[in-house]
Amino acid sequence: MSYFYKNISGKVKRLISYYKLRLARLPASNYAISAGFACGSMVSFTPLLGLHFVLAVIFAFLIRGNFIAALIGTVVGNPLTFPFIWGFIYKIGSYFTTIKHFDISYEINFDMIINQTYEIFFPMLLGGIIIAPLVWIISYFIIYSFISSYKRRKNKTERRSL
């Protein structure tokens, strides 16, 4: 059993490293890369499945972010994180509505979102709208810090090799 978890964690670490390098090597400014990624991670906190890529690119276009970074940012929302994201945005959204709070701690799935649109989808959409700006700000500053430090290190090593 522990081999299984070590193997999975190794693959996840490798995937994260791949995407970090992929972001850092994009030919764009620190702002464009960070803003693009932030747009992608922001739309991952909405229940609008199937529109995440489109919305990420639209928001990146509006604020002059990098489109590739926006698409990479949508990786924040994935089958492993969606149950947590959906539960979180549902709780936030239902707090601000008068809709009867459902106990969804045991199950939340795509079918439930579609069939109980008003009871489930509306609070999730409201929660996503409330949380999205905070997600954008946090992910922007994390990625900006990473990209700028990566480019500084890269410039130092290039100067030394000359």
C-alpha atoms as a PDB file:
ATOM      1  CA  MET A   1       0.000   0.000   0.000  1.00  0.00           C
ATOM      2  CA  SER A   2       2.765   2.473   0.816  1.00  0.00           C
ATOM      3  CA  TYR A   3       4.423   1.766  -2.544  1.00  0.00           C
ATOM      4  CA  PHE A   4       1.228   2.909  -4.245  1.00  0.00           C
ATOM      5  CA  TYR A   5       1.207   6.237  -2.376  1.00  0.00           C
ATOM      6  CA  LYS A   6       4.926   6.821  -2.926  1.00  0.00           C
ATOM      7  CA  ASN A   7       4.487   6.130  -6.618  1.00  0.00           C
ATOM      8  CA  ILE A   8       1.521   8.501  -6.890  1.00  0.00           C
ATOM      9  CA  SER A   9       3.212  11.242  -4.866  1.00  0.00           C
ATOM     10  CA  GLY A  10       6.309  10.962  -7.065  1.00  0.00           C
ATOM     11  CA  LYS A  11       4.199  11.372 -10.180  1.00  0.00           C
ATOM     12  CA  VAL A  12       2.360  14.352  -8.714  1.00  0.00           C
ATOM     13  CA  LYS A  13       5.650  16.023  -7.742  1.00  0.00           C
ATOM     14  CA  ARG A  14       7.015  15.423 -11.240  1.00  0.00           C
ATOM     15  CA  LEU A  15       3.856  16.867 -12.803  1.00  0.00           C
ATOM     16  CA  ILE A  16       4.051  19.977 -10.601  1.00  0.00           C
ATOM     17  CA  SER A  17       7.727  20.440 -11.478  1.00  0.00           C
ATOM     18  CA  TYR A  18       6.909  20.097 -15.161  1.00  0.00           C
ATOM     19  CA  TYR A  19       4.221  22.778 -15.024  1.00  0.00           C
ATOM     20  CA  LYS A  20       6.407  25.104 -12.955  1.00  0.00           C
ATOM     21  CA  LEU A  21       9.181  24.921 -15.541  1.00  0.00           C
ATOM     22  CA  ARG A  22       6.687  25.227 -18.345  1.00  0.00           C
ATOM     23  CA  LEU A  23       5.366  28.455 -16.796  1.00  0.00           C
ATOM     24  CA  ALA A  24       8.800  29.856 -16.038  1.00  0.00           C
ATOM     25  CA  ARG A  25      10.024  29.316 -19.590  1.00  0.00           C
ATOM     26  CA  LEU A  26       7.133  31.080 -21.295  1.00  0.00           C
ATOM     27  CA  PRO A  27       8.355  34.017 -23.401  1.00  0.00           C
ATOM     28  CA  ALA A  28       6.317  36.711 -21.668  1.00  0.00           C
ATOM     29  CA  SER A  29       6.637  39.231 -18.876  1.00  0.00           C
ATOM     30  CA  ASN A  30       6.319  38.236 -15.238  1.00  0.00           C
ATOM     31  CA  TYR A  31       3.007  40.091 -15.103  1.00  0.00           C
ATOM     32  CA  ALA A  32       1.555  38.364 -18.173  1.00  0.00           C
ATOM     33  CA  ILE A  33       2.489  34.886 -16.971  1.00  0.00           C
ATOM     34  CA  SER A  34       1.283  35.476 -13.413  1.00  0.00           C
ATOM     35  CA  ALA A  35      -1.943  37.165 -14.486  1.00  0.00           C
ATOM     36  CA  GLY A  36      -2.685  34.432 -16.995  1.00  0.00           C
ATOM     37  CA  PHE A  37      -2.134  31.672 -14.467  1.00  0.00           C
ATOM     38  CA  ALA A  38      -4.244  33.552 -11.928  1.00  0.00           C
ATOM     39  CA  CYS A  39      -7.098  33.753 -14.438  1.00  0.00           C
ATOM     40  CA  GLY A  40      -6.943  30.017 -14.989  1.00  0.00           C
ATOM     41  CA  SER A  41      -6.898  29.199 -11.301  1.00  0.00           C
ATOM     42  CA  MET A  42      -9.673  31.715 -10.644  1.00  0.00           C
ATOM     43  CA  VAL A  43     -12.104  30.132 -13.107  1.00  0.00           C
ATOM     44  CA  SER A  44     -11.353  26.717 -11.633  1.00  0.00           C
ATOM     45  CA  PHE A  45     -13.264  27.915  -8.586  1.00  0.00           C
ATOM     46  CA  THR A  46     -16.514  28.147 -10.523  1.00  0.00           C
ATOM     47  CA  PRO A  47     -18.964  25.311 -11.220  1.00  0.00           C
ATOM     48  CA  LEU A  48     -18.937  26.141 -14.938  1.00  0.00           C
ATOM     49  CA  LEU A  49     -17.417  22.865 -16.108  1.00  0.00           C
ATOM     50  CA  GLY A  50     -16.595  22.831 -19.773  1.00  0.00           C
ATOM     51  CA  LEU A  51     -16.109  26.578 -19.845  1.00  0.00           C
ATOM     52  CA  HIS A  52     -12.956  26.824 -17.750  1.00  0.00           C
ATOM     53  CA  PHE A  53     -10.596  27.010 -20.733  1.00  0.00           C
ATOM     54  CA  VAL A  54     -12.754  29.538 -22.568  1.00  0.00           C
ATOM     55  CA  LEU A  55     -13.258  31.727 -19.490  1.00  0.00           C
ATOM     56  CA  ALA A  56      -9.572  31.578 -18.581  1.00  0.00           C
ATOM     57  CA  VAL A  57      -8.561  32.796 -22.038  1.00  0.00           C
ATOM     58  CA  ILE A  58     -11.236  35.528 -22.047  1.00  0.00           C
ATOM     59  CA  PHE A  59     -10.157  36.868 -18.653  1.00  0.00           C
ATOM     60  CA  ALA A  60      -6.483  36.626 -19.647  1.00  0.00           C
ATOM     61  CA  PHE A  61      -7.247  38.569 -22.823  1.00  0.00           C
ATOM     62  CA  LEU A  62      -9.069  41.281 -20.863  1.00  0.00           C
ATOM     63  CA  ILE A  63      -6.145  41.905 -18.498  1.00  0.00           C
ATOM     64  CA  ARG A  64      -3.374  41.172 -21.009  1.00  0.00           C
ATOM     65  CA  GLY A  65      -2.346  37.892 -19.417  1.00  0.00           C
ATOM     66  CA  ASN A  66      -0.613  35.031 -21.172  1.00  0.00           C
ATOM     67  CA  PHE A  67      -3.058  32.564 -22.756  1.00  0.00           C
ATOM     68  CA  ILE A  68      -0.837  29.509 -22.267  1.00  0.00           C
ATOM     69  CA  ALA A  69      -0.358  30.392 -18.593  1.00  0.00           C
ATOM     70  CA  ALA A  70      -4.131  30.770 -18.276  1.00  0.00           C
ATOM     71  CA  LEU A  71      -4.652  27.288 -19.667  1.00  0.00           C
ATOM     72  CA  ILE A  72      -2.010  25.886 -17.339  1.00  0.00           C
ATOM     73  CA  GLY A  73      -3.719  27.648 -14.441  1.00  0.00           C
ATOM     74  CA  THR A  74      -6.904  25.676 -15.020  1.00  0.00           C
ATOM     75  CA  VAL A  75      -4.999  22.617 -13.780  1.00  0.00           C
ATOM     76  CA  VAL A  76      -5.790  23.899 -10.271  1.00  0.00           C
ATOM     77  CA  GLY A  77      -9.260  22.489 -10.874  1.00  0.00           C
ATOM     78  CA  ASN A  78      -8.914  18.783 -11.518  1.00  0.00           C
ATOM     79  CA  PRO A  79     -10.718  15.590 -10.482  1.00  0.00           C
ATOM     80  CA  LEU A  80      -8.723  15.481  -7.242  1.00  0.00           C
ATOM     81  CA  THR A  81      -9.475  19.064  -6.206  1.00  0.00           C
ATOM     82  CA  PHE A  82     -13.005  19.544  -7.559  1.00  0.00           C
ATOM     83  CA  PRO A  83     -14.771  17.824  -4.645  1.00  0.00           C
ATOM     84  CA  PHE A  84     -13.035  20.185  -2.205  1.00  0.00           C
ATOM     85  CA  ILE A  85     -13.559  23.239  -4.395  1.00  0.00           C
ATOM     86  CA  TRP A  86     -17.232  22.441  -4.996  1.00  0.00           C
ATOM     87  CA  GLY A  87     -17.912  21.816  -1.329  1.00  0.00           C
ATOM     88  CA  PHE A  88     -16.132  25.012  -0.362  1.00  0.00           C
ATOM     89  CA  ILE A  89     -17.863  27.278  -2.871  1.00  0.00           C
ATOM     90  CA  TYR A  90     -21.224  25.669  -2.074  1.00  0.00           C
ATOM     91  CA  LYS A  91     -20.819  26.415   1.632  1.00  0.00           C
ATOM     92  CA  ILE A  92     -19.750  29.995   0.913  1.00  0.00           C
ATOM     93  CA  GLY A  93     -22.600  30.555  -1.544  1.00  0.00           C
ATOM     94  CA  SER A  94     -25.265  28.958   0.631  1.00  0.00           C
ATOM     95  CA  TYR A  95     -24.187  31.170   3.515  1.00  0.00           C
ATOM     96  CA  PHE A  96     -25.145  34.228   1.454  1.00  0.00           C
ATOM     97  CA  THR A  97     -28.467  32.882   0.135  1.00  0.00           C
ATOM     98  CA  THR A  98     -31.774  31.979   1.726  1.00  0.00           C
ATOM     99  CA  ILE A  99     -31.872  28.669  -0.111  1.00  0.00           C
ATOM    100  CA  LYS A 100     -32.256  25.682   2.209  1.00  0.00           C
ATOM    101  CA  HIS A 101     -28.804  24.276   2.929  1.00  0.00           C
ATOM    102  CA  PHE A 102     -28.408  20.703   1.683  1.00  0.00           C
ATOM    103  CA  ASP A 103     -26.087  18.303   3.437  1.00  0.00           C
ATOM    104  CA  ILE A 104     -23.737  17.493   0.581  1.00  0.00           C
ATOM    105  CA  SER A 105     -20.866  16.241   2.701  1.00  0.00           C
ATOM    106  CA  TYR A 106     -21.478  12.675   1.590  1.00  0.00           C
ATOM    107  CA  GLU A 107     -21.745  13.252  -2.155  1.00  0.00           C
ATOM    108  CA  ILE A 108     -21.500  15.978  -4.722  1.00  0.00           C
ATOM    109  CA  ASN A 109     -21.319  15.154  -8.369  1.00  0.00           C
ATOM    110  CA  PHE A 110     -22.020  16.590 -11.776  1.00  0.00           C
ATOM    111  CA  ASP A 111     -25.471  14.987 -11.965  1.00  0.00           C
ATOM    112  CA  MET A 112     -26.476  16.610  -8.681  1.00  0.00           C
ATOM    113  CA  ILE A 113     -25.363  20.029  -9.936  1.00  0.00           C
ATOM    114  CA  ILE A 114     -27.380  19.684 -13.155  1.00  0.00           C
ATOM    115  CA  ASN A 115     -30.573  18.223 -11.658  1.00  0.00           C
ATOM    116  CA  GLN A 116     -30.757  20.518  -8.643  1.00  0.00           C
ATOM    117  CA  THR A 117     -29.778  23.699 -10.427  1.00  0.00           C
ATOM    118  CA  TYR A 118     -31.418  26.195  -8.136  1.00  0.00           C
ATOM    119  CA  GLU A 119     -30.616  24.415  -4.868  1.00  0.00           C
ATOM    120  CA  ILE A 120     -27.018  23.478  -5.721  1.00  0.00           C
ATOM    121  CA  PHE A 121     -25.744  25.345  -8.773  1.00  0.00           C
ATOM    122  CA  PHE A 122     -26.844  28.850  -7.783  1.00  0.00           C
ATOM    123  CA  PRO A 123     -25.112  28.776  -4.366  1.00  0.00           C
ATOM    124  CA  MET A 124     -22.022  27.252  -6.005  1.00  0.00           C
ATOM    125  CA  LEU A 125     -21.967  29.968  -8.653  1.00  0.00           C
ATOM    126  CA  LEU A 126     -22.399  32.686  -6.026  1.00  0.00           C
ATOM    127  CA  GLY A 127     -19.673  31.128  -3.852  1.00  0.00           C
ATOM    128  CA  GLY A 128     -17.368  30.916  -6.862  1.00  0.00           C
ATOM    129  CA  ILE A 129     -17.955  34.563  -7.706  1.00  0.00           C
ATOM    130  CA  ILE A 130     -17.189  35.540  -4.108  1.00  0.00           C
ATOM    131  CA  ILE A 131     -14.034  33.389  -3.834  1.00  0.00           C
ATOM    132  CA  ALA A 132     -12.649  33.957  -7.359  1.00  0.00           C
ATOM    133  CA  PRO A 133     -11.034  37.379  -6.751  1.00  0.00           C
ATOM    134  CA  LEU A 134      -9.284  36.073  -3.644  1.00  0.00           C
ATOM    135  CA  VAL A 135      -8.015  33.028  -5.566  1.00  0.00           C
ATOM    136  CA  TRP A 136      -6.793  35.337  -8.346  1.00  0.00           C
ATOM    137  CA  ILE A 137      -4.844  37.555  -5.922  1.00  0.00           C
ATOM    138  CA  ILE A 138      -3.252  34.659  -4.035  1.00  0.00           C
ATOM    139  CA  SER A 139      -2.246  32.719  -7.139  1.00  0.00           C
ATOM    140  CA  TYR A 140      -0.998  35.868  -8.880  1.00  0.00           C
ATOM    141  CA  PHE A 141       1.433  36.739  -6.084  1.00  0.00           C
ATOM    142  CA  ILE A 142       2.623  33.148  -5.630  1.00  0.00           C
ATOM    143  CA  ILE A 143       3.334  32.719  -9.351  1.00  0.00           C
ATOM    144  CA  TYR A 144       4.797  36.213  -9.723  1.00  0.00           C
ATOM    145  CA  SER A 145       7.239  35.485  -6.899  1.00  0.00           C
ATOM    146  CA  PHE A 146       8.195  32.152  -8.434  1.00  0.00           C
ATOM    147  CA  ILE A 147       8.626  33.505 -11.977  1.00  0.00           C
ATOM    148  CA  SER A 148      10.673  36.526 -10.928  1.00  0.00           C
ATOM    149  CA  SER A 149      13.019  34.456  -8.738  1.00  0.00           C
ATOM    150  CA  TYR A 150      13.407  31.857 -11.493  1.00  0.00           C
ATOM    151  CA  LYS A 151      14.295  34.517 -14.077  1.00  0.00           C
ATOM    152  CA  ARG A 152      16.758  36.206 -11.681  1.00  0.00           C
ATOM    153  CA  ARG A 153      18.540  32.891 -11.056  1.00  0.00           C
ATOM    154  CA  LYS A 154      18.586  32.154 -14.769  1.00  0.00           C
ATOM    155  CA  ASN A 155      20.075  35.590 -15.566  1.00  0.00           C
ATOM    156  CA  LYS A 156      22.777  35.134 -12.891  1.00  0.00           C
ATOM    157  CA  THR A 157      23.832  31.771 -14.290  1.00  0.00           C
ATOM    158  CA  GLU A 158      23.856  33.151 -17.847  1.00  0.00           C
ATOM    159  CA  ARG A 159      26.096  36.040 -16.783  1.00  0.00           C
ATOM    160  CA  ARG A 160      28.511  33.675 -15.039  1.00  0.00           C
ATOM    161  CA  SER A 161      28.813  31.466 -18.088  1.00  0.00           C
ATOM    162  CA  LEU A 162      29.791  34.430 -20.280  1.00  0.00           C
END
